[in-house]
Amino acid sequence: MALFDEELPKKKKTVHEIGEELAKLSVDEIGERIGLLTAEIERLKAALAEKRASAEAAESFFKR
């Protein structure tokens, strides 16, 4: 009997909650969380730089 996609177990998406208990995580899981959080920090930094550049451009335009 063949399994259909909906019958296959879904891989749990790794999510990290700030302040979450870490003792229950394995070394690999902690490393995965660090990677996810590092990528998210870089994404946030890029968004911040983009917003700052946009705000500076608008400020420069309206100061003329």
Protein backbone atom coordinates (compact mmCIF):
# COMPACT_ATOMS: atom_id res chain seq x y z
CA MET A 1 0.00 0.00 0.00
CA ALA A 2 1.48 3.36 -1.08
CA LEU A 3 1.62 6.35 1.21
CA PHE A 4 0.22 9.62 -0.06
CA ASP A 5 1.88 12.94 0.71
CA GLU A 6 -0.74 13.81 3.31
CA GLU A 7 -0.01 10.55 5.13
CA LEU A 8 3.73 11.21 5.42
CA PRO A 9 4.86 12.64 8.73
CA LYS A 10 5.49 16.36 8.43
CA LYS A 11 8.97 17.57 9.35
CA LYS A 12 8.66 19.88 12.32
CA LYS A 13 9.82 23.40 11.45
CA THR A 14 12.48 24.60 13.84
CA VAL A 15 11.29 27.64 15.75
CA HIS A 16 13.03 29.36 18.61
CA GLU A 17 11.29 31.28 21.34
CA ILE A 18 13.30 33.88 23.19
CA GLY A 19 13.80 32.69 26.78
CA GLU A 20 12.97 29.08 25.90
CA GLU A 21 14.45 26.35 28.14
CA LEU A 22 17.63 25.17 26.43
CA ALA A 23 18.50 22.16 28.60
CA LYS A 24 16.19 19.90 26.59
CA LEU A 25 17.95 20.69 23.28
CA SER A 26 20.78 18.63 21.81
CA VAL A 27 24.09 20.13 20.68
CA ASP A 28 22.92 19.88 17.05
CA GLU A 29 19.60 21.55 17.85
CA ILE A 30 21.36 24.42 19.62
CA GLY A 31 23.69 24.84 16.62
CA GLU A 32 20.67 24.89 14.31
CA ARG A 33 19.00 27.55 16.47
CA ILE A 34 22.17 29.67 16.42
CA GLY A 35 22.21 29.44 12.62
CA LEU A 36 18.54 30.44 12.38
CA LEU A 37 18.96 33.35 14.76
CA THR A 38 22.14 34.55 13.04
CA ALA A 39 20.34 34.55 9.68
CA GLU A 40 17.42 36.42 11.23
CA ILE A 41 19.75 39.02 12.74
CA GLU A 42 21.32 39.60 9.33
CA ARG A 43 17.85 39.92 7.77
CA LEU A 44 16.87 42.47 10.42
CA LYS A 45 20.10 44.44 9.92
CA ALA A 46 19.45 44.59 6.16
CA ALA A 47 15.87 45.80 6.73
CA LEU A 48 17.11 48.43 9.18
CA ALA A 49 19.75 49.70 6.74
CA GLU A 50 17.13 49.86 3.98
CA LYS A 51 14.71 51.82 6.19
CA ARG A 52 17.45 54.21 7.32
CA ALA A 53 18.53 54.83 3.72
CA SER A 54 14.92 55.51 2.73
CA ALA A 55 14.42 57.89 5.64
CA GLU A 56 17.68 59.72 4.85
CA ALA A 57 16.70 60.06 1.19
CA ALA A 58 13.30 61.48 2.12
CA GLU A 59 14.88 63.85 4.65
CA SER A 60 17.41 65.03 2.07
CA PHE A 61 14.70 65.57 -0.54
CA PHE A 62 12.49 67.64 1.74
CA LYS A 63 15.37 69.80 3.08
CA ARG A 64 15.92 71.34 -0.36
